Every structure is written in structure tokens, then in C-alpha cells.
Amino acid sequence: MNRQAALPYVSHRITDSYPPRDQEETTIPDNARLVGWQCGHEPLFVAVWDSVTGNRVEASDAEDAAREYLLARNWFADAANPPDADHII
């Protein structure tokens, strides 16, 4: 999956210095990592970016942040063993 195809599936947005944002509150910057998990027929993506330095977040750090965010929201069926992301863009 490429970035353009993934953008419509971004449901959550998190940065390093602000609380999570609603879908409509902000655009996704070009430096955001899109971290996705397949859930049925459609993926769910979390956009993760560094708003302070403007640097791109490392893929592993973005995945960890997205997983922790979704764990806090009780999104995973098996919270004790959340799966690795299916997509990191």
C-alpha cells in the first residue's frame, strides 16, 4: 500500500508534543509516518509525526507510539499480545 492509498484510512493522529487530534482538526504533514493494522477488509492507520524538529520519526518509534496509543484506547482484541503493524509508510 502506498501513502496516497493509505491516507483515507488514517483514523488517529499523534505528535510528539500535542495530545491526539480528531480526524478533521489537522492535515497530515509530509513527514508523518503512517502506521497501519489490517482490520477486516479495511486498514486502520495512525499518523505519527515530530512537530518540534520536523524530522521524520523512525519507523520503529512510530510503530511503538501508534501501538501504545491504540492499546490505551483498547483497540486490540488481545492487549497482552498486540500484533506488529501490517504497514509502516
N, C-alpha and C. Protein backbone atom coordinates (compact mmCIF):
# COMPACT_ATOMS: atom_id res chain seq x y z
N MET A 1 0.86 -1.16 0.00
CA MET A 1 0.00 0.00 0.00
C MET A 1 0.91 1.23 0.00
N ASN A 2 0.56 2.22 -0.78
CA ASN A 2 1.35 3.45 -0.81
C ASN A 2 0.66 4.54 0.04
N ARG A 3 1.37 5.65 0.20
CA ARG A 3 0.89 6.74 1.06
C ARG A 3 -0.47 7.27 0.62
N GLN A 4 -0.64 7.53 -0.66
CA GLN A 4 -1.90 8.09 -1.16
C GLN A 4 -3.08 7.16 -0.88
N ALA A 5 -2.86 5.86 -1.04
CA ALA A 5 -3.92 4.89 -0.78
C ALA A 5 -4.23 4.78 0.71
N ALA A 6 -3.23 5.02 1.55
CA ALA A 6 -3.41 4.87 3.00
C ALA A 6 -4.08 6.08 3.65
N LEU A 7 -3.89 7.26 3.09
CA LEU A 7 -4.39 8.49 3.73
C LEU A 7 -5.88 8.46 4.09
N PRO A 8 -6.76 7.92 3.25
CA PRO A 8 -8.18 7.91 3.65
C PRO A 8 -8.47 7.03 4.87
N TYR A 9 -7.54 6.15 5.22
CA TYR A 9 -7.75 5.24 6.35
C TYR A 9 -7.11 5.72 7.64
N VAL A 10 -6.55 6.93 7.66
CA VAL A 10 -5.96 7.47 8.89
C VAL A 10 -7.11 7.87 9.82
N SER A 11 -7.16 7.19 10.95
CA SER A 11 -8.22 7.47 11.93
C SER A 11 -7.73 8.24 13.14
N HIS A 12 -6.44 8.19 13.38
CA HIS A 12 -5.87 8.84 14.55
C HIS A 12 -4.59 9.55 14.15
N ARG A 13 -4.32 10.66 14.82
CA ARG A 13 -3.13 11.46 14.55
C ARG A 13 -2.47 11.80 15.87
N ILE A 14 -1.18 11.50 15.98
CA ILE A 14 -0.47 11.82 17.21
C ILE A 14 0.86 12.49 16.87
N THR A 15 1.26 13.41 17.73
CA THR A 15 2.54 14.08 17.57
C THR A 15 3.32 13.92 18.85
N ASP A 16 4.54 14.42 18.82
CA ASP A 16 5.39 14.31 20.00
C ASP A 16 5.04 15.31 21.08
N SER A 17 4.36 16.40 20.74
CA SER A 17 4.16 17.44 21.74
C SER A 17 2.71 17.84 21.98
N TYR A 18 1.79 17.24 21.28
CA TYR A 18 0.38 17.60 21.44
C TYR A 18 -0.43 16.35 21.75
N PRO A 19 -1.60 16.50 22.36
CA PRO A 19 -2.46 15.34 22.57
C PRO A 19 -3.01 14.85 21.22
N PRO A 20 -3.54 13.64 21.18
CA PRO A 20 -4.13 13.13 19.94
C PRO A 20 -5.17 14.10 19.40
N ARG A 21 -5.29 14.12 18.09
CA ARG A 21 -6.19 15.06 17.43
C ARG A 21 -7.30 14.32 16.71
N ASP A 22 -8.43 14.98 16.59
CA ASP A 22 -9.53 14.41 15.83
C ASP A 22 -9.19 14.44 14.35
N GLN A 23 -9.82 13.59 13.60
CA GLN A 23 -9.57 13.45 12.16
C GLN A 23 -9.64 14.78 11.42
N GLU A 24 -10.58 15.63 11.74
CA GLU A 24 -10.80 16.86 10.99
C GLU A 24 -9.93 18.03 11.45
N GLU A 25 -9.25 17.90 12.58
CA GLU A 25 -8.58 19.04 13.17
C GLU A 25 -7.31 19.49 12.46
N THR A 26 -6.65 18.62 11.74
CA THR A 26 -5.37 18.99 11.16
C THR A 26 -5.07 18.15 9.92
N THR A 27 -4.25 18.70 9.07
CA THR A 27 -3.80 17.93 7.92
C THR A 27 -2.61 17.08 8.35
N ILE A 28 -2.33 16.08 7.60
CA ILE A 28 -1.22 15.19 7.90
C ILE A 28 0.01 15.71 7.15
N PRO A 29 1.06 16.08 7.88
CA PRO A 29 2.24 16.62 7.22
C PRO A 29 2.98 15.54 6.42
N ASP A 30 3.78 15.99 5.49
CA ASP A 30 4.53 15.06 4.64
C ASP A 30 5.52 14.21 5.42
N ASN A 31 5.98 14.70 6.58
CA ASN A 31 6.95 13.94 7.36
C ASN A 31 6.31 12.90 8.28
N ALA A 32 4.99 12.77 8.27
CA ALA A 32 4.31 11.82 9.15
C ALA A 32 4.52 10.39 8.66
N ARG A 33 4.74 9.51 9.61
CA ARG A 33 4.73 8.08 9.33
C ARG A 33 3.29 7.62 9.45
N LEU A 34 2.88 6.75 8.56
CA LEU A 34 1.55 6.15 8.63
C LEU A 34 1.74 4.71 9.06
N VAL A 35 1.19 4.38 10.22
CA VAL A 35 1.35 3.04 10.79
C VAL A 35 -0.03 2.39 10.77
N GLY A 36 -0.12 1.23 10.11
CA GLY A 36 -1.43 0.62 9.93
C GLY A 36 -1.54 -0.84 10.30
N TRP A 37 -2.72 -1.19 10.76
CA TRP A 37 -3.07 -2.57 11.06
C TRP A 37 -4.29 -2.92 10.22
N GLN A 38 -4.26 -4.10 9.66
CA GLN A 38 -5.39 -4.57 8.86
C GLN A 38 -6.48 -5.04 9.81
N CYS A 39 -7.68 -4.54 9.64
CA CYS A 39 -8.80 -4.97 10.49
C CYS A 39 -9.97 -5.30 9.56
N GLY A 40 -10.11 -6.57 9.27
CA GLY A 40 -11.12 -6.98 8.30
C GLY A 40 -10.69 -6.59 6.91
N HIS A 41 -11.60 -5.98 6.17
CA HIS A 41 -11.31 -5.60 4.80
C HIS A 41 -10.60 -4.26 4.67
N GLU A 42 -10.62 -3.45 5.72
CA GLU A 42 -10.02 -2.12 5.65
C GLU A 42 -8.96 -1.96 6.73
N PRO A 43 -7.88 -1.25 6.42
CA PRO A 43 -6.87 -1.00 7.44
C PRO A 43 -7.26 0.18 8.31
N LEU A 44 -6.61 0.28 9.46
CA LEU A 44 -6.71 1.45 10.32
C LEU A 44 -5.30 2.00 10.45
N PHE A 45 -5.14 3.29 10.17
CA PHE A 45 -3.82 3.92 10.24
C PHE A 45 -3.79 4.98 11.33
N VAL A 46 -2.61 5.09 11.94
CA VAL A 46 -2.31 6.16 12.88
C VAL A 46 -1.18 6.96 12.26
N ALA A 47 -1.37 8.26 12.11
CA ALA A 47 -0.31 9.13 11.61
C ALA A 47 0.51 9.62 12.80
N VAL A 48 1.83 9.49 12.69
CA VAL A 48 2.72 9.87 13.78
C VAL A 48 3.79 10.80 13.22
N TRP A 49 3.95 11.98 13.86
CA TRP A 49 5.00 12.88 13.38
C TRP A 49 5.60 13.69 14.51
N ASP A 50 6.78 14.24 14.22
CA ASP A 50 7.52 15.09 15.15
C ASP A 50 7.24 16.53 14.77
N SER A 51 6.48 17.21 15.58
CA SER A 51 6.10 18.59 15.25
C SER A 51 7.11 19.61 15.72
N VAL A 52 8.07 19.21 16.53
CA VAL A 52 9.05 20.15 17.06
C VAL A 52 10.22 20.32 16.10
N THR A 53 10.87 19.23 15.73
CA THR A 53 12.06 19.33 14.87
C THR A 53 11.73 19.25 13.39
N GLY A 54 10.58 18.66 13.07
CA GLY A 54 10.24 18.48 11.67
C GLY A 54 10.90 17.25 11.06
N ASN A 55 11.70 16.54 11.86
CA ASN A 55 12.34 15.32 11.37
C ASN A 55 11.32 14.20 11.28
N ARG A 56 11.57 13.29 10.38
CA ARG A 56 10.71 12.13 10.26
C ARG A 56 10.98 11.17 11.40
N VAL A 57 9.95 10.68 12.05
CA VAL A 57 10.07 9.74 13.15
C VAL A 57 10.54 8.40 12.59
N GLU A 58 11.47 7.75 13.28
CA GLU A 58 11.93 6.43 12.86
C GLU A 58 10.74 5.46 12.82
N ALA A 59 10.78 4.54 11.89
CA ALA A 59 9.66 3.60 11.71
C ALA A 59 9.35 2.83 12.99
N SER A 60 10.38 2.34 13.68
CA SER A 60 10.14 1.56 14.90
C SER A 60 9.54 2.43 16.01
N ASP A 61 10.00 3.68 16.11
CA ASP A 61 9.45 4.59 17.12
C ASP A 61 7.99 4.94 16.80
N ALA A 62 7.70 5.15 15.53
CA ALA A 62 6.33 5.45 15.12
C ALA A 62 5.41 4.27 15.42
N GLU A 63 5.89 3.07 15.13
CA GLU A 63 5.07 1.88 15.41
C GLU A 63 4.81 1.73 16.90
N ASP A 64 5.84 1.94 17.71
CA ASP A 64 5.67 1.85 19.17
C ASP A 64 4.67 2.88 19.67
N ALA A 65 4.79 4.11 19.20
CA ALA A 65 3.86 5.17 19.64
C ALA A 65 2.43 4.86 19.22
N ALA A 66 2.26 4.40 17.98
CA ALA A 66 0.92 4.07 17.49
C ALA A 66 0.33 2.90 18.27
N ARG A 67 1.14 1.88 18.52
CA ARG A 67 0.66 0.71 19.27
C ARG A 67 0.25 1.12 20.68
N GLU A 68 1.08 1.93 21.36
CA GLU A 68 0.75 2.38 22.71
C GLU A 68 -0.55 3.18 22.72
N TYR A 69 -0.72 4.03 21.72
CA TYR A 69 -1.94 4.83 21.62
C TYR A 69 -3.16 3.93 21.46
N LEU A 70 -3.07 2.95 20.56
CA LEU A 70 -4.21 2.05 20.35
C LEU A 70 -4.45 1.14 21.55
N LEU A 71 -3.39 0.75 22.24
CA LEU A 71 -3.56 -0.03 23.47
C LEU A 71 -4.33 0.78 24.51
N ALA A 72 -4.00 2.05 24.64
CA ALA A 72 -4.70 2.91 25.61
C ALA A 72 -6.17 3.07 25.25
N ARG A 73 -6.49 2.94 23.98
CA ARG A 73 -7.88 3.04 23.53
C ARG A 73 -8.56 1.67 23.48
N ASN A 74 -7.88 0.63 23.95
CA ASN A 74 -8.41 -0.74 23.96
C ASN A 74 -8.80 -1.22 22.57
N TRP A 75 -8.00 -0.88 21.58
CA TRP A 75 -8.32 -1.22 20.20
C TRP A 75 -7.99 -2.67 19.87
N PHE A 76 -6.94 -3.22 20.47
CA PHE A 76 -6.53 -4.59 20.16
C PHE A 76 -7.36 -5.59 20.94
N ALA A 77 -7.77 -6.66 20.28
CA ALA A 77 -8.56 -7.71 20.93
C ALA A 77 -7.73 -8.41 22.00
N ASP A 78 -6.45 -8.62 21.72
CA ASP A 78 -5.55 -9.28 22.67
C ASP A 78 -4.52 -8.27 23.13
N ALA A 79 -4.86 -7.51 24.16
CA ALA A 79 -3.98 -6.43 24.63
C ALA A 79 -2.66 -6.96 25.17
N ALA A 80 -2.64 -8.21 25.62
CA ALA A 80 -1.40 -8.77 26.14
C ALA A 80 -0.39 -9.06 25.03
N ASN A 81 -0.88 -9.27 23.82
CA ASN A 81 -0.01 -9.59 22.68
C ASN A 81 -0.44 -8.81 21.44
N PRO A 82 -0.33 -7.49 21.46
CA PRO A 82 -0.74 -6.73 20.28
C PRO A 82 0.18 -7.05 19.10
N PRO A 83 -0.37 -7.19 17.93
CA PRO A 83 0.44 -7.58 16.77
C PRO A 83 1.31 -6.43 16.26
N ASP A 84 2.31 -6.81 15.50
CA ASP A 84 3.12 -5.81 14.81
C ASP A 84 2.24 -5.16 13.75
N ALA A 85 2.61 -3.96 13.38
CA ALA A 85 1.86 -3.24 12.33
C ALA A 85 1.98 -3.99 11.00
N ASP A 86 0.93 -3.94 10.22
CA ASP A 86 0.94 -4.55 8.90
C ASP A 86 1.57 -3.62 7.87
N HIS A 87 1.49 -2.32 8.13
CA HIS A 87 2.01 -1.32 7.18
C HIS A 87 2.72 -0.21 7.96
N ILE A 88 3.89 0.18 7.50
CA ILE A 88 4.56 1.38 8.00
C ILE A 88 5.04 2.14 6.77
N ILE A 89 4.45 3.30 6.59
CA ILE A 89 4.74 4.09 5.38
C ILE A 89 5.41 5.38 5.80
